[in-house]
């Protein structure tokens, strides 16, 4: 459920992209997303069954998730040039 809730903000990105695509491309894109979601969830399930990984995530899962999301956010801001754009304002 956590994976689905984290993707809710992506609607703002996907709707404009999908709105400009032909119907066949939209169908293929949706099938591709469903496939990748199934693969991701399957891999997460099997990796979650490994005892050492299970113990790590039970103990550190919540703070680890927060740290990962912070680093992803920082990477996106650096990769898109956001910091440079802000510096150009001054």
N, C-alpha and C. Protein backbone atom coordinates (compact mmCIF):
# COMPACT_ATOMS: atom_id res chain seq x y z
N UNK A 1 0.83 -1.19 0.00
CA UNK A 1 0.00 0.00 0.00
C UNK A 1 0.87 1.25 0.00
N UNK A 2 2.03 1.18 0.67
CA UNK A 2 2.93 2.33 0.75
C UNK A 2 3.43 2.73 -0.63
N UNK A 3 3.71 1.74 -1.49
CA UNK A 3 4.19 2.01 -2.84
C UNK A 3 3.15 2.78 -3.63
N UNK A 4 1.90 2.42 -3.50
CA UNK A 4 0.82 3.10 -4.22
C UNK A 4 0.66 4.54 -3.73
N UNK A 5 0.71 4.74 -2.43
CA UNK A 5 0.51 6.09 -1.89
C UNK A 5 1.66 7.02 -2.26
N UNK A 6 2.85 6.48 -2.41
CA UNK A 6 3.99 7.32 -2.78
C UNK A 6 3.89 7.75 -4.25
N UNK A 7 3.18 7.00 -5.05
CA UNK A 7 3.08 7.33 -6.46
C UNK A 7 1.94 8.28 -6.79
N UNK A 8 1.13 8.63 -5.80
CA UNK A 8 -0.03 9.48 -6.07
C UNK A 8 0.38 10.85 -6.59
N UNK A 9 1.49 11.39 -6.14
CA UNK A 9 1.91 12.71 -6.61
C UNK A 9 2.40 12.68 -8.05
N UNK A 10 2.68 11.50 -8.59
CA UNK A 10 3.15 11.40 -9.96
C UNK A 10 2.03 11.62 -10.98
N UNK A 11 0.80 11.66 -10.52
CA UNK A 11 -0.32 11.91 -11.43
C UNK A 11 -0.11 13.24 -12.16
N UNK A 12 0.42 14.21 -11.46
CA UNK A 12 0.67 15.51 -12.08
C UNK A 12 1.67 15.41 -13.22
N UNK A 13 2.51 14.41 -13.20
CA UNK A 13 3.48 14.21 -14.28
C UNK A 13 2.88 13.37 -15.40
N UNK A 14 2.22 12.28 -15.02
CA UNK A 14 1.75 11.33 -16.03
C UNK A 14 0.54 11.80 -16.82
N UNK A 15 -0.37 12.51 -16.20
CA UNK A 15 -1.58 12.93 -16.91
C UNK A 15 -1.26 13.79 -18.14
N UNK A 16 -0.44 14.83 -18.03
CA UNK A 16 -0.12 15.61 -19.23
C UNK A 16 0.60 14.78 -20.31
N UNK A 17 1.47 13.88 -19.88
CA UNK A 17 2.19 13.05 -20.86
C UNK A 17 1.21 12.11 -21.56
N UNK A 18 0.37 11.44 -20.78
CA UNK A 18 -0.58 10.50 -21.37
C UNK A 18 -1.63 11.22 -22.22
N UNK A 19 -1.97 12.45 -21.87
CA UNK A 19 -2.97 13.20 -22.63
C UNK A 19 -2.50 13.52 -24.04
N UNK A 20 -1.21 13.55 -24.25
CA UNK A 20 -0.66 13.89 -25.58
C UNK A 20 -0.30 12.66 -26.39
N UNK A 21 -0.53 11.47 -25.83
CA UNK A 21 -0.16 10.23 -26.53
C UNK A 21 -1.36 9.62 -27.24
N UNK A 22 -1.09 8.92 -28.34
CA UNK A 22 -2.18 8.17 -29.00
C UNK A 22 -2.66 7.03 -28.09
N UNK A 23 -3.86 6.56 -28.33
CA UNK A 23 -4.48 5.54 -27.48
C UNK A 23 -3.63 4.27 -27.41
N UNK A 24 -3.07 3.84 -28.54
CA UNK A 24 -2.25 2.62 -28.52
C UNK A 24 -1.03 2.79 -27.62
N UNK A 25 -0.42 3.95 -27.65
CA UNK A 25 0.74 4.20 -26.79
C UNK A 25 0.34 4.24 -25.32
N UNK A 26 -0.84 4.79 -25.04
CA UNK A 26 -1.32 4.81 -23.65
C UNK A 26 -1.53 3.38 -23.14
N UNK A 27 -2.14 2.54 -23.95
CA UNK A 27 -2.39 1.15 -23.57
C UNK A 27 -1.06 0.44 -23.31
N UNK A 28 -0.10 0.61 -24.22
CA UNK A 28 1.21 -0.02 -24.03
C UNK A 28 1.91 0.51 -22.78
N UNK A 29 1.79 1.79 -22.52
CA UNK A 29 2.41 2.39 -21.33
C UNK A 29 1.78 1.83 -20.07
N UNK A 30 0.47 1.71 -20.03
CA UNK A 30 -0.22 1.16 -18.85
C UNK A 30 0.19 -0.30 -18.64
N UNK A 31 0.25 -1.08 -19.72
CA UNK A 31 0.68 -2.49 -19.60
C UNK A 31 2.11 -2.55 -19.06
N UNK A 32 2.97 -1.67 -19.56
CA UNK A 32 4.36 -1.63 -19.11
C UNK A 32 4.45 -1.29 -17.63
N UNK A 33 3.67 -0.29 -17.18
CA UNK A 33 3.66 0.07 -15.76
C UNK A 33 3.16 -1.08 -14.90
N UNK A 34 2.11 -1.76 -15.35
CA UNK A 34 1.58 -2.89 -14.58
C UNK A 34 2.63 -4.00 -14.49
N UNK A 35 3.29 -4.27 -15.61
CA UNK A 35 4.34 -5.29 -15.61
C UNK A 35 5.47 -4.93 -14.65
N UNK A 36 5.96 -3.69 -14.73
CA UNK A 36 7.04 -3.28 -13.85
C UNK A 36 6.62 -3.27 -12.38
N UNK A 37 5.38 -2.91 -12.11
CA UNK A 37 4.87 -2.95 -10.74
C UNK A 37 4.86 -4.39 -10.23
N UNK A 38 4.39 -5.32 -11.06
CA UNK A 38 4.36 -6.73 -10.66
C UNK A 38 5.77 -7.25 -10.40
N UNK A 39 6.72 -6.89 -11.27
CA UNK A 39 8.11 -7.32 -11.08
C UNK A 39 8.67 -6.73 -9.78
N UNK A 40 8.42 -5.43 -9.55
CA UNK A 40 8.92 -4.76 -8.34
C UNK A 40 8.36 -5.41 -7.08
N UNK A 41 7.07 -5.65 -7.07
CA UNK A 41 6.44 -6.24 -5.89
C UNK A 41 6.91 -7.67 -5.66
N UNK A 42 7.09 -8.43 -6.75
CA UNK A 42 7.59 -9.80 -6.63
C UNK A 42 9.00 -9.82 -6.07
N UNK A 43 9.87 -8.95 -6.60
CA UNK A 43 11.23 -8.87 -6.09
C UNK A 43 11.25 -8.43 -4.63
N UNK A 44 10.42 -7.45 -4.29
CA UNK A 44 10.36 -6.98 -2.91
C UNK A 44 9.90 -8.11 -1.98
N UNK A 45 8.93 -8.89 -2.42
CA UNK A 45 8.46 -9.99 -1.60
C UNK A 45 9.57 -11.01 -1.35
N UNK A 46 10.25 -11.41 -2.43
CA UNK A 46 11.28 -12.44 -2.28
C UNK A 46 12.49 -11.93 -1.49
N UNK A 47 12.90 -10.68 -1.72
CA UNK A 47 13.99 -10.12 -0.93
C UNK A 47 13.57 -9.96 0.53
N UNK A 48 12.30 -9.67 0.75
CA UNK A 48 11.79 -9.54 2.11
C UNK A 48 11.75 -10.84 2.88
N UNK A 49 11.86 -11.95 2.20
CA UNK A 49 11.86 -13.26 2.85
C UNK A 49 13.25 -13.66 3.31
N UNK A 50 14.29 -12.95 2.87
CA UNK A 50 15.66 -13.24 3.30
C UNK A 50 15.81 -12.73 4.73
N UNK A 51 16.17 -13.60 5.66
CA UNK A 51 16.15 -13.23 7.09
C UNK A 51 16.94 -11.97 7.43
N UNK A 52 18.14 -11.81 6.91
CA UNK A 52 18.93 -10.63 7.30
C UNK A 52 18.30 -9.34 6.77
N UNK A 53 17.77 -9.39 5.56
CA UNK A 53 17.10 -8.21 5.00
C UNK A 53 15.82 -7.92 5.77
N UNK A 54 15.09 -8.98 6.10
CA UNK A 54 13.86 -8.82 6.88
C UNK A 54 14.14 -8.16 8.22
N UNK A 55 15.20 -8.60 8.90
CA UNK A 55 15.55 -8.02 10.20
C UNK A 55 15.97 -6.56 10.07
N UNK A 56 16.74 -6.24 9.03
CA UNK A 56 17.19 -4.86 8.82
C UNK A 56 15.99 -3.95 8.60
N UNK A 57 15.06 -4.38 7.75
CA UNK A 57 13.90 -3.53 7.45
C UNK A 57 12.91 -3.46 8.62
N UNK A 58 12.81 -4.51 9.40
CA UNK A 58 11.95 -4.44 10.58
C UNK A 58 12.52 -3.46 11.61
N UNK A 59 13.83 -3.42 11.70
CA UNK A 59 14.47 -2.56 12.70
C UNK A 59 14.67 -1.13 12.20
N UNK A 60 15.11 -0.98 10.94
CA UNK A 60 15.49 0.34 10.42
C UNK A 60 14.66 0.79 9.23
N UNK A 61 13.60 0.09 8.90
CA UNK A 61 12.84 0.36 7.68
C UNK A 61 12.31 1.77 7.56
N UNK A 62 11.68 2.28 8.61
CA UNK A 62 11.08 3.61 8.55
C UNK A 62 12.13 4.71 8.40
N UNK A 63 13.15 4.77 9.25
CA UNK A 63 14.15 5.82 9.05
C UNK A 63 14.93 5.65 7.75
N UNK A 64 15.17 4.39 7.36
CA UNK A 64 15.88 4.13 6.12
C UNK A 64 15.08 4.64 4.92
N UNK A 65 13.77 4.43 4.94
CA UNK A 65 12.92 4.93 3.86
C UNK A 65 12.98 6.45 3.76
N UNK A 66 12.94 7.11 4.90
CA UNK A 66 13.01 8.57 4.90
C UNK A 66 14.33 9.07 4.33
N UNK A 67 15.42 8.43 4.73
CA UNK A 67 16.74 8.83 4.23
C UNK A 67 16.83 8.61 2.73
N UNK A 68 16.31 7.48 2.25
CA UNK A 68 16.34 7.20 0.81
C UNK A 68 15.54 8.24 0.05
N UNK A 69 14.35 8.60 0.54
CA UNK A 69 13.54 9.60 -0.14
C UNK A 69 14.20 10.98 -0.13
N UNK A 70 14.87 11.31 0.95
CA UNK A 70 15.58 12.60 1.00
C UNK A 70 16.69 12.62 -0.04
N UNK A 71 17.46 11.53 -0.12
CA UNK A 71 18.54 11.48 -1.12
C UNK A 71 18.01 11.47 -2.55
N UNK A 72 16.88 10.81 -2.78
CA UNK A 72 16.28 10.85 -4.12
C UNK A 72 15.86 12.27 -4.45
N UNK A 73 15.24 12.97 -3.50
CA UNK A 73 14.84 14.35 -3.72
C UNK A 73 16.02 15.26 -4.01
N UNK A 74 17.10 15.11 -3.25
CA UNK A 74 18.30 15.91 -3.49
C UNK A 74 18.87 15.61 -4.87
N UNK A 75 18.92 14.32 -5.23
CA UNK A 75 19.43 13.94 -6.55
C UNK A 75 18.59 14.58 -7.66
N UNK A 76 17.28 14.52 -7.53
CA UNK A 76 16.40 15.11 -8.55
C UNK A 76 16.64 16.61 -8.66
N UNK A 77 16.78 17.28 -7.53
CA UNK A 77 17.02 18.73 -7.56
C UNK A 77 18.36 19.07 -8.20
N UNK A 78 19.38 18.26 -7.93
CA UNK A 78 20.69 18.48 -8.56
C UNK A 78 20.63 18.15 -10.04
N UNK A 79 20.03 17.01 -10.37
CA UNK A 79 19.98 16.55 -11.76
C UNK A 79 19.19 17.48 -12.67
N UNK A 80 18.15 18.09 -12.14
CA UNK A 80 17.33 18.99 -12.96
C UNK A 80 17.88 20.42 -13.00
N UNK A 81 18.91 20.68 -12.22
CA UNK A 81 19.51 22.01 -12.22
C UNK A 81 18.76 23.01 -11.38
N UNK A 82 17.96 22.54 -10.45
CA UNK A 82 17.16 23.45 -9.62
C UNK A 82 18.03 24.41 -8.81
N UNK A 83 19.09 23.87 -8.21
CA UNK A 83 19.95 24.73 -7.40
C UNK A 83 20.59 25.81 -8.25
N UNK A 84 21.00 25.46 -9.46
CA UNK A 84 21.60 26.45 -10.36
C UNK A 84 20.57 27.51 -10.75
N UNK A 85 19.35 27.09 -10.98
CA UNK A 85 18.28 28.05 -11.31
C UNK A 85 18.04 29.01 -10.15
N UNK A 86 18.03 28.48 -8.94
CA UNK A 86 17.83 29.34 -7.77
C UNK A 86 19.00 30.32 -7.63
N UNK A 87 20.20 29.86 -7.85
CA UNK A 87 21.37 30.74 -7.75
C UNK A 87 21.33 31.82 -8.82
N UNK A 88 20.79 31.49 -10.00
CA UNK A 88 20.68 32.49 -11.08
C UNK A 88 19.69 33.59 -10.75
N UNK A 89 18.77 33.34 -9.83
CA UNK A 89 17.80 34.36 -9.44
C UNK A 89 18.46 35.48 -8.66
N UNK A 90 19.57 35.18 -8.03
CA UNK A 90 20.26 36.18 -7.20
C UNK A 90 21.44 36.64 -7.96
